[in-house]
Amino acid sequence: MATTAQVREHEKIELAASVLRSGGSVRLRVFGTSMLPSLWPGDLVAVENNAPTKFVPGDIVLLLRDRRFLAHRLLAQPGTQWITRGDAMPQNDPPAQAGDLLGRVVRVERHGRSLLPPPVSPLTRMLASILCHCDFVRSVALRLHSARQRYLEREVLDMETRAPLVTQFLGHA
């Protein structure tokens, strides 16, 4: 039997999927590592629905699989199926049907900056392969990313607590 938290999570996923299927857009936080180095845990991705005919190989697409979201790169569309794979995964995902594709990632927010989704490049492929096959390198990269994220969050908090003091000092309070 599903817990209350699992039911709520499933309801959130269904709501977001419904918004995308009706032509809307959503922002979602990345939790997994299958798209390293293109997407990192903690990134916010903006996903917009496009008709499946507008997806092109190289796009990062959002799929609904087994009651959870996957943001993976679209590789090809042989016939009526779509082939996707996470950049840091050793093999392709099982073929997806058009109804599984909910939208395309159009923006990535990382460390307070808004970026376009990174395209596939030889460097991305090389880094993804290293991160896929070398647990030690992936672990170090994730720890460095997490440390940087914590540092930047602390900087933001420090700025927010200093701002009222500066305003009061300048006599604008």
N, C-alpha and C. Protein backbone atom coordinates (compact mmCIF):
# COMPACT_ATOMS: atom_id res chain seq x y z
N MET A 1 0.84 -1.19 0.00
CA MET A 1 0.00 0.00 0.00
C MET A 1 0.88 1.24 0.00
N ALA A 2 0.50 2.22 -0.78
CA ALA A 2 1.29 3.44 -0.92
C ALA A 2 1.13 4.33 0.31
N THR A 3 2.24 4.96 0.68
CA THR A 3 2.20 5.90 1.80
C THR A 3 1.57 7.21 1.35
N THR A 4 1.22 8.05 2.31
CA THR A 4 0.64 9.35 1.99
C THR A 4 1.60 10.18 1.14
N ALA A 5 2.89 10.13 1.48
CA ALA A 5 3.90 10.89 0.71
C ALA A 5 3.96 10.38 -0.73
N GLN A 6 3.88 9.08 -0.94
CA GLN A 6 3.92 8.53 -2.29
C GLN A 6 2.68 8.93 -3.08
N VAL A 7 1.53 8.93 -2.42
CA VAL A 7 0.29 9.34 -3.09
C VAL A 7 0.38 10.80 -3.50
N ARG A 8 0.87 11.65 -2.59
CA ARG A 8 1.02 13.07 -2.92
C ARG A 8 1.99 13.28 -4.08
N GLU A 9 3.10 12.55 -4.05
CA GLU A 9 4.09 12.68 -5.13
C GLU A 9 3.47 12.26 -6.46
N HIS A 10 2.72 11.17 -6.45
CA HIS A 10 2.06 10.72 -7.68
C HIS A 10 1.06 11.77 -8.17
N GLU A 11 0.32 12.39 -7.25
CA GLU A 11 -0.64 13.43 -7.63
C GLU A 11 0.07 14.64 -8.24
N LYS A 12 1.22 15.02 -7.69
CA LYS A 12 1.99 16.13 -8.24
C LYS A 12 2.47 15.81 -9.66
N ILE A 13 2.94 14.60 -9.85
CA ILE A 13 3.42 14.18 -11.16
C ILE A 13 2.28 14.20 -12.17
N GLU A 14 1.12 13.67 -11.77
CA GLU A 14 -0.03 13.65 -12.68
C GLU A 14 -0.49 15.07 -13.01
N LEU A 15 -0.47 15.97 -12.03
CA LEU A 15 -0.86 17.35 -12.28
C LEU A 15 0.10 18.03 -13.27
N ALA A 16 1.39 17.86 -13.04
CA ALA A 16 2.38 18.45 -13.96
C ALA A 16 2.24 17.86 -15.36
N ALA A 17 2.02 16.54 -15.45
CA ALA A 17 1.84 15.90 -16.76
C ALA A 17 0.60 16.44 -17.45
N SER A 18 -0.47 16.64 -16.69
CA SER A 18 -1.71 17.19 -17.25
C SER A 18 -1.50 18.61 -17.78
N VAL A 19 -0.76 19.43 -17.02
CA VAL A 19 -0.46 20.80 -17.47
C VAL A 19 0.31 20.75 -18.78
N LEU A 20 1.30 19.89 -18.87
CA LEU A 20 2.09 19.80 -20.10
C LEU A 20 1.26 19.27 -21.27
N ARG A 21 0.44 18.26 -21.01
CA ARG A 21 -0.39 17.71 -22.10
C ARG A 21 -1.39 18.74 -22.63
N SER A 22 -1.78 19.69 -21.78
CA SER A 22 -2.74 20.71 -22.23
C SER A 22 -2.03 21.93 -22.83
N GLY A 23 -0.72 21.82 -23.07
CA GLY A 23 0.02 22.88 -23.74
C GLY A 23 0.70 23.86 -22.81
N GLY A 24 0.71 23.58 -21.51
CA GLY A 24 1.34 24.48 -20.55
C GLY A 24 2.81 24.23 -20.39
N SER A 25 3.36 24.84 -19.34
CA SER A 25 4.77 24.65 -19.03
C SER A 25 4.92 24.48 -17.52
N VAL A 26 5.98 23.81 -17.11
CA VAL A 26 6.26 23.58 -15.70
C VAL A 26 7.75 23.76 -15.44
N ARG A 27 8.08 23.98 -14.17
CA ARG A 27 9.49 23.99 -13.73
C ARG A 27 9.65 22.84 -12.74
N LEU A 28 10.69 22.05 -12.94
CA LEU A 28 10.93 20.88 -12.10
C LEU A 28 12.38 20.87 -11.63
N ARG A 29 12.60 20.35 -10.43
CA ARG A 29 13.95 20.22 -9.90
C ARG A 29 14.53 18.86 -10.31
N VAL A 30 15.78 18.87 -10.71
CA VAL A 30 16.48 17.64 -11.11
C VAL A 30 17.02 16.97 -9.86
N PHE A 31 16.81 15.66 -9.75
CA PHE A 31 17.32 14.90 -8.61
C PHE A 31 18.34 13.85 -9.02
N GLY A 32 18.22 13.31 -10.20
CA GLY A 32 19.09 12.20 -10.60
C GLY A 32 20.40 12.64 -11.23
N THR A 33 21.20 11.65 -11.60
CA THR A 33 22.51 11.90 -12.19
C THR A 33 22.65 11.34 -13.60
N SER A 34 21.56 10.86 -14.18
CA SER A 34 21.65 10.22 -15.49
C SER A 34 21.99 11.19 -16.62
N MET A 35 21.82 12.49 -16.39
CA MET A 35 22.10 13.48 -17.44
C MET A 35 23.37 14.28 -17.20
N LEU A 36 24.20 13.83 -16.26
CA LEU A 36 25.49 14.51 -16.06
C LEU A 36 26.30 14.44 -17.35
N PRO A 37 27.02 15.44 -17.73
CA PRO A 37 27.25 16.72 -17.10
C PRO A 37 26.28 17.81 -17.57
N SER A 38 25.27 17.45 -18.36
CA SER A 38 24.34 18.46 -18.90
C SER A 38 23.40 19.00 -17.83
N LEU A 39 22.84 18.11 -17.01
CA LEU A 39 21.96 18.49 -15.91
C LEU A 39 22.52 17.93 -14.62
N TRP A 40 22.51 18.75 -13.57
CA TRP A 40 23.06 18.36 -12.27
C TRP A 40 21.95 18.32 -11.22
N PRO A 41 22.09 17.48 -10.20
CA PRO A 41 21.10 17.51 -9.12
C PRO A 41 20.98 18.92 -8.55
N GLY A 42 19.73 19.35 -8.36
CA GLY A 42 19.48 20.69 -7.85
C GLY A 42 19.14 21.69 -8.94
N ASP A 43 19.46 21.39 -10.20
CA ASP A 43 19.08 22.28 -11.29
C ASP A 43 17.56 22.36 -11.37
N LEU A 44 17.06 23.52 -11.77
CA LEU A 44 15.64 23.67 -12.09
C LEU A 44 15.54 23.69 -13.61
N VAL A 45 14.63 22.88 -14.15
CA VAL A 45 14.45 22.87 -15.60
C VAL A 45 13.06 23.38 -15.92
N ALA A 46 12.98 24.23 -16.92
CA ALA A 46 11.70 24.70 -17.44
C ALA A 46 11.35 23.82 -18.63
N VAL A 47 10.17 23.23 -18.57
CA VAL A 47 9.73 22.30 -19.62
C VAL A 47 8.48 22.87 -20.27
N GLU A 48 8.50 22.91 -21.59
CA GLU A 48 7.34 23.37 -22.36
C GLU A 48 6.88 22.24 -23.26
N ASN A 49 5.56 22.19 -23.44
CA ASN A 49 5.00 21.18 -24.32
C ASN A 49 5.07 21.67 -25.75
N ASN A 50 5.53 20.80 -26.61
CA ASN A 50 5.50 21.02 -28.05
C ASN A 50 4.88 19.79 -28.66
N ALA A 51 4.26 19.96 -29.79
CA ALA A 51 3.75 18.78 -30.49
C ALA A 51 4.93 17.85 -30.75
N PRO A 52 4.74 16.54 -30.63
CA PRO A 52 5.86 15.61 -30.83
C PRO A 52 6.60 15.81 -32.15
N THR A 53 5.93 16.36 -33.15
CA THR A 53 6.61 16.55 -34.44
C THR A 53 7.68 17.63 -34.34
N LYS A 54 7.66 18.43 -33.26
CA LYS A 54 8.64 19.50 -33.13
C LYS A 54 9.87 19.08 -32.32
N PHE A 55 9.88 17.87 -31.78
CA PHE A 55 11.05 17.38 -31.08
C PHE A 55 12.09 16.98 -32.12
N VAL A 56 13.34 17.32 -31.84
CA VAL A 56 14.41 16.95 -32.76
C VAL A 56 15.51 16.23 -31.98
N PRO A 57 16.21 15.32 -32.63
CA PRO A 57 17.32 14.66 -31.94
C PRO A 57 18.28 15.69 -31.35
N GLY A 58 18.69 15.43 -30.12
CA GLY A 58 19.56 16.36 -29.41
C GLY A 58 18.81 17.13 -28.33
N ASP A 59 17.48 17.24 -28.46
CA ASP A 59 16.68 17.90 -27.43
C ASP A 59 16.72 17.08 -26.14
N ILE A 60 16.64 17.77 -25.01
CA ILE A 60 16.41 17.10 -23.74
C ILE A 60 14.90 17.12 -23.54
N VAL A 61 14.30 15.94 -23.46
CA VAL A 61 12.85 15.83 -23.38
C VAL A 61 12.45 15.25 -22.02
N LEU A 62 11.22 15.56 -21.61
CA LEU A 62 10.67 15.02 -20.38
C LEU A 62 9.72 13.90 -20.74
N LEU A 63 9.95 12.73 -20.14
CA LEU A 63 9.10 11.57 -20.37
C LEU A 63 8.43 11.17 -19.06
N LEU A 64 7.27 10.56 -19.17
CA LEU A 64 6.60 9.97 -18.01
C LEU A 64 6.73 8.46 -18.15
N ARG A 65 7.48 7.88 -17.22
CA ARG A 65 7.72 6.43 -17.23
C ARG A 65 7.53 5.87 -15.83
N ASP A 66 6.72 4.84 -15.72
CA ASP A 66 6.52 4.15 -14.43
C ASP A 66 6.21 5.15 -13.31
N ARG A 67 5.30 6.08 -13.58
CA ARG A 67 4.84 7.06 -12.60
C ARG A 67 5.93 8.00 -12.10
N ARG A 68 6.93 8.23 -12.93
CA ARG A 68 7.97 9.21 -12.58
C ARG A 68 8.47 9.88 -13.85
N PHE A 69 9.08 11.05 -13.64
CA PHE A 69 9.60 11.81 -14.77
C PHE A 69 11.03 11.42 -15.06
N LEU A 70 11.37 11.43 -16.34
CA LEU A 70 12.75 11.28 -16.79
C LEU A 70 13.05 12.41 -17.76
N ALA A 71 14.12 13.12 -17.54
CA ALA A 71 14.59 14.12 -18.50
C ALA A 71 15.82 13.51 -19.16
N HIS A 72 15.65 13.05 -20.39
CA HIS A 72 16.74 12.41 -21.13
C HIS A 72 16.84 13.02 -22.52
N ARG A 73 17.96 12.75 -23.16
CA ARG A 73 18.20 13.31 -24.50
C ARG A 73 17.53 12.44 -25.56
N LEU A 74 16.87 13.11 -26.49
CA LEU A 74 16.25 12.42 -27.61
C LEU A 74 17.33 12.10 -28.64
N LEU A 75 17.44 10.82 -29.00
CA LEU A 75 18.46 10.40 -29.95
C LEU A 75 17.92 10.21 -31.37
N ALA A 76 16.74 9.59 -31.46
CA ALA A 76 16.19 9.28 -32.79
C ALA A 76 14.71 8.97 -32.68
N GLN A 77 14.06 8.95 -33.86
CA GLN A 77 12.67 8.56 -33.93
C GLN A 77 12.48 7.61 -35.10
N PRO A 78 12.80 6.32 -34.88
CA PRO A 78 12.55 5.36 -35.96
C PRO A 78 11.07 4.94 -35.94
N GLY A 79 10.34 5.33 -36.94
CA GLY A 79 8.92 4.98 -37.00
C GLY A 79 8.10 5.77 -35.99
N THR A 80 7.31 5.05 -35.19
CA THR A 80 6.43 5.72 -34.23
C THR A 80 7.02 5.76 -32.82
N GLN A 81 8.21 5.23 -32.66
CA GLN A 81 8.83 5.20 -31.33
C GLN A 81 9.93 6.25 -31.23
N TRP A 82 10.26 6.61 -29.99
CA TRP A 82 11.29 7.61 -29.72
C TRP A 82 12.39 6.92 -28.92
N ILE A 83 13.64 7.16 -29.30
CA ILE A 83 14.78 6.58 -28.60
C ILE A 83 15.44 7.69 -27.78
N THR A 84 15.58 7.45 -26.48
CA THR A 84 16.19 8.43 -25.57
C THR A 84 17.27 7.74 -24.74
N ARG A 85 18.12 8.58 -24.15
CA ARG A 85 19.15 8.06 -23.24
C ARG A 85 19.66 9.22 -22.40
N GLY A 86 19.93 8.91 -21.15
CA GLY A 86 20.60 9.87 -20.29
C GLY A 86 22.04 10.02 -20.76
N ASP A 87 22.57 11.24 -20.74
CA ASP A 87 23.94 11.46 -21.23
C ASP A 87 24.95 10.58 -20.52
N ALA A 88 24.76 10.32 -19.23
CA ALA A 88 25.72 9.54 -18.45
C ALA A 88 25.29 8.08 -18.30
N MET A 89 24.44 7.62 -19.18
CA MET A 89 23.99 6.23 -19.13
C MET A 89 24.68 5.42 -20.22
N PRO A 90 24.97 4.14 -19.94
CA PRO A 90 25.71 3.34 -20.91
C PRO A 90 24.86 2.86 -22.09
N GLN A 91 23.53 2.82 -21.93
CA GLN A 91 22.71 2.31 -23.03
C GLN A 91 21.41 3.11 -23.14
N ASN A 92 20.75 2.93 -24.27
CA ASN A 92 19.50 3.64 -24.53
C ASN A 92 18.40 3.17 -23.59
N ASP A 93 17.41 4.06 -23.38
CA ASP A 93 16.20 3.68 -22.65
C ASP A 93 15.36 2.77 -23.53
N PRO A 94 14.40 2.04 -22.93
CA PRO A 94 13.44 1.33 -23.78
C PRO A 94 12.72 2.33 -24.67
N PRO A 95 12.34 1.93 -25.89
CA PRO A 95 11.67 2.88 -26.80
C PRO A 95 10.42 3.48 -26.15
N ALA A 96 10.22 4.77 -26.39
CA ALA A 96 9.07 5.49 -25.85
C ALA A 96 8.06 5.74 -26.96
N GLN A 97 6.80 5.76 -26.57
CA GLN A 97 5.72 6.12 -27.50
C GLN A 97 5.54 7.64 -27.45
N ALA A 98 4.90 8.18 -28.46
CA ALA A 98 4.70 9.63 -28.52
C ALA A 98 4.00 10.15 -27.27
N GLY A 99 3.06 9.39 -26.71
CA GLY A 99 2.34 9.81 -25.51
C GLY A 99 3.20 9.89 -24.27
N ASP A 100 4.37 9.24 -24.29
CA ASP A 100 5.28 9.28 -23.14
C ASP A 100 6.05 10.60 -23.07
N LEU A 101 6.23 11.26 -24.22
CA LEU A 101 6.97 12.51 -24.27
C LEU A 101 6.03 13.66 -23.89
N LEU A 102 6.39 14.38 -22.84
CA LEU A 102 5.53 15.44 -22.34
C LEU A 102 5.97 16.83 -22.77
N GLY A 103 7.25 17.01 -23.02
CA GLY A 103 7.73 18.33 -23.39
C GLY A 103 9.22 18.35 -23.55
N ARG A 104 9.72 19.55 -23.87
CA ARG A 104 11.14 19.74 -24.09
C ARG A 104 11.69 20.69 -23.04
N VAL A 105 12.89 20.42 -22.53
CA VAL A 105 13.56 21.32 -21.60
C VAL A 105 14.02 22.53 -22.41
N VAL A 106 13.55 23.72 -21.99
CA VAL A 106 13.89 24.93 -22.73
C VAL A 106 14.82 25.86 -21.95
N ARG A 107 14.91 25.67 -20.62
CA ARG A 107 15.79 26.48 -19.78
C ARG A 107 16.28 25.63 -18.63
N VAL A 108 17.49 25.94 -18.19
CA VAL A 108 18.08 25.30 -17.02
C VAL A 108 18.52 26.40 -16.08
N GLU A 109 18.06 26.36 -14.84
CA GLU A 109 18.49 27.33 -13.84
C GLU A 109 19.46 26.62 -12.91
N ARG A 110 20.68 27.18 -12.86
CA ARG A 110 21.74 26.58 -12.04
C ARG A 110 22.48 27.70 -11.33
N HIS A 111 22.57 27.61 -10.01
CA HIS A 111 23.29 28.60 -9.21
C HIS A 111 22.83 30.02 -9.50
N GLY A 112 21.52 30.20 -9.67
CA GLY A 112 20.99 31.53 -9.88
C GLY A 112 21.11 32.06 -11.30
N ARG A 113 21.62 31.25 -12.21
CA ARG A 113 21.75 31.67 -13.61
C ARG A 113 20.80 30.86 -14.48
N SER A 114 20.26 31.51 -15.49
CA SER A 114 19.37 30.85 -16.43
C SER A 114 20.16 30.53 -17.69
N LEU A 115 20.15 29.26 -18.08
CA LEU A 115 20.95 28.79 -19.21
C LEU A 115 20.08 28.07 -20.22
N LEU A 116 20.51 28.06 -21.45
CA LEU A 116 19.87 27.20 -22.45
C LEU A 116 20.32 25.77 -22.19
N PRO A 117 19.47 24.78 -22.52
CA PRO A 117 19.91 23.39 -22.33
C PRO A 117 21.16 23.13 -23.16
N PRO A 118 22.16 22.51 -22.57
CA PRO A 118 23.40 22.29 -23.31
C PRO A 118 23.23 21.28 -24.43
N PRO A 119 23.79 21.58 -25.60
CA PRO A 119 23.74 20.62 -26.70
C PRO A 119 24.76 19.50 -26.47
N VAL A 120 24.61 18.46 -27.26
CA VAL A 120 25.59 17.38 -27.21
C VAL A 120 26.82 17.84 -27.99
N SER A 121 27.97 17.66 -27.37
CA SER A 121 29.22 17.99 -28.04
C SER A 121 30.19 16.85 -27.76
N PRO A 122 31.30 16.78 -28.49
CA PRO A 122 32.29 15.73 -28.19
C PRO A 122 32.78 15.81 -26.74
N LEU A 123 32.94 17.02 -26.22
CA LEU A 123 33.38 17.17 -24.82
C LEU A 123 32.32 16.64 -23.87
N THR A 124 31.04 16.95 -24.13
CA THR A 124 29.95 16.45 -23.29
C THR A 124 29.92 14.93 -23.31
N ARG A 125 30.07 14.36 -24.48
CA ARG A 125 30.06 12.89 -24.60
C ARG A 125 31.22 12.26 -23.82
N MET A 126 32.40 12.89 -23.92
CA MET A 126 33.56 12.36 -23.21
C MET A 126 33.36 12.44 -21.70
N LEU A 127 32.92 13.61 -21.21
CA LEU A 127 32.68 13.76 -19.77
C LEU A 127 31.59 12.81 -19.29
N ALA A 128 30.51 12.69 -20.07
CA ALA A 128 29.42 11.80 -19.70
C ALA A 128 29.90 10.36 -19.61
N SER A 129 30.74 9.95 -20.54
CA SER A 129 31.27 8.58 -20.53
C SER A 129 32.14 8.34 -19.29
N ILE A 130 32.96 9.31 -18.94
CA ILE A 130 33.80 9.18 -17.73
C ILE A 130 32.91 9.11 -16.50
N LEU A 131 31.91 10.00 -16.41
CA LEU A 131 31.02 10.01 -15.26
C LEU A 131 30.17 8.74 -15.18
N CYS A 132 29.88 8.15 -16.32
CA CYS A 132 29.10 6.92 -16.37
C CYS A 132 29.90 5.72 -15.87
N HIS A 133 31.15 5.64 -16.29
CA HIS A 133 31.93 4.43 -16.05
C HIS A 133 32.88 4.51 -14.86
N CYS A 134 33.08 5.68 -14.29
CA CYS A 134 34.04 5.81 -13.20
C CYS A 134 33.32 6.36 -11.95
N ASP A 135 32.96 5.46 -11.05
CA ASP A 135 32.23 5.85 -9.84
C ASP A 135 32.99 6.88 -9.02
N PHE A 136 34.31 6.74 -8.93
CA PHE A 136 35.10 7.67 -8.13
C PHE A 136 35.01 9.09 -8.69
N VAL A 137 35.18 9.23 -9.99
CA VAL A 137 35.12 10.56 -10.62
C VAL A 137 33.72 11.15 -10.45
N ARG A 138 32.67 10.32 -10.65
CA ARG A 138 31.30 10.81 -10.48
C ARG A 138 31.07 11.27 -9.04
N SER A 139 31.54 10.50 -8.08
CA SER A 139 31.38 10.85 -6.67
C SER A 139 32.09 12.17 -6.35
N VAL A 140 33.31 12.34 -6.83
CA VAL A 140 34.05 13.59 -6.58
C VAL A 140 33.34 14.77 -7.24
N ALA A 141 32.89 14.58 -8.49
CA ALA A 141 32.19 15.66 -9.20
C ALA A 141 30.92 16.06 -8.46
N LEU A 142 30.15 15.09 -7.96
CA LEU A 142 28.91 15.41 -7.24
C LEU A 142 29.21 16.10 -5.91
N ARG A 143 30.27 15.68 -5.24
CA ARG A 143 30.63 16.34 -3.97
C ARG A 143 31.07 17.78 -4.21
N LEU A 144 31.85 18.01 -5.25
CA LEU A 144 32.27 19.38 -5.57
C LEU A 144 31.06 20.24 -5.95
N HIS A 145 30.16 19.67 -6.72
CA HIS A 145 28.95 20.40 -7.11
C HIS A 145 28.11 20.74 -5.87
N SER A 146 27.95 19.79 -4.99
CA SER A 146 27.17 20.01 -3.77
C SER A 146 27.83 21.07 -2.88
N ALA A 147 29.15 21.01 -2.75
CA ALA A 147 29.86 22.00 -1.94
C ALA A 147 29.70 23.39 -2.54
N ARG A 148 29.80 23.50 -3.85
CA ARG A 148 29.62 24.80 -4.51
C ARG A 148 28.21 25.31 -4.30
N GLN A 149 27.24 24.43 -4.40
CA GLN A 149 25.85 24.83 -4.22
C GLN A 149 25.61 25.34 -2.79
N ARG A 150 26.15 24.63 -1.80
CA ARG A 150 26.01 25.08 -0.40
C ARG A 150 26.69 26.42 -0.19
N TYR A 151 27.87 26.61 -0.78
CA TYR A 151 28.59 27.88 -0.66
C TYR A 151 27.77 29.02 -1.25
N LEU A 152 27.23 28.81 -2.44
CA LEU A 152 26.44 29.86 -3.09
C LEU A 152 25.16 30.17 -2.31
N GLU A 153 24.53 29.13 -1.73
CA GLU A 153 23.34 29.36 -0.91
C GLU A 153 23.68 30.17 0.33
N ARG A 154 24.83 29.90 0.93
CA ARG A 154 25.28 30.66 2.10
C ARG A 154 25.53 32.11 1.72
N GLU A 155 26.13 32.33 0.55
CA GLU A 155 26.38 33.69 0.08
C GLU A 155 25.07 34.47 -0.08
N VAL A 156 24.06 33.82 -0.63
CA VAL A 156 22.76 34.47 -0.81
C VAL A 156 22.16 34.80 0.54
N LEU A 157 22.22 33.86 1.48
CA LEU A 157 21.68 34.11 2.82
C LEU A 157 22.43 35.26 3.50
N ASP A 158 23.75 35.28 3.36
CA ASP A 158 24.54 36.36 3.95
C ASP A 158 24.13 37.70 3.35
N MET A 159 23.92 37.75 2.04
CA MET A 159 23.52 39.00 1.39
C MET A 159 22.13 39.44 1.87
N GLU A 160 21.22 38.47 2.05
CA GLU A 160 19.87 38.82 2.49
C GLU A 160 19.87 39.35 3.93
N THR A 161 20.74 38.82 4.79
CA THR A 161 20.77 39.30 6.17
C THR A 161 21.52 40.63 6.27
N ARG A 162 22.45 40.89 5.35
CA ARG A 162 23.18 42.16 5.36
C ARG A 162 22.37 43.29 4.74
N ALA A 163 21.50 42.99 3.79
CA ALA A 163 20.76 44.03 3.07
C ALA A 163 19.96 44.94 4.01
N PRO A 164 19.20 44.40 4.99
CA PRO A 164 18.47 45.32 5.88
C PRO A 164 19.41 46.21 6.69
N LEU A 165 20.56 45.68 7.08
CA LEU A 165 21.51 46.49 7.85
C LEU A 165 22.07 47.62 7.01
N VAL A 166 22.37 47.37 5.76
CA VAL A 166 22.89 48.40 4.86
C VAL A 166 21.81 49.45 4.65
N THR A 167 20.58 49.01 4.44
CA THR A 167 19.48 49.94 4.21
C THR A 167 19.28 50.83 5.43
N GLN A 168 19.32 50.23 6.62
CA GLN A 168 19.16 51.03 7.84
C GLN A 168 20.32 51.99 8.00
N PHE A 169 21.53 51.55 7.70
CA PHE A 169 22.70 52.41 7.84
C PHE A 169 22.61 53.62 6.92
N LEU A 170 22.09 53.38 5.71
CA LEU A 170 21.98 54.47 4.73
C LEU A 170 20.78 55.37 5.02
N GLY A 171 19.97 55.00 6.00
CA GLY A 171 18.82 55.81 6.38
C GLY A 171 17.62 55.65 5.48
N HIS A 172 17.51 54.48 4.81
CA HIS A 172 16.38 54.24 3.91
C HIS A 172 15.31 53.39 4.57
N ALA A 173 15.44 53.05 5.84
CA ALA A 173 14.50 52.15 6.48
C ALA A 173 13.28 52.90 6.99
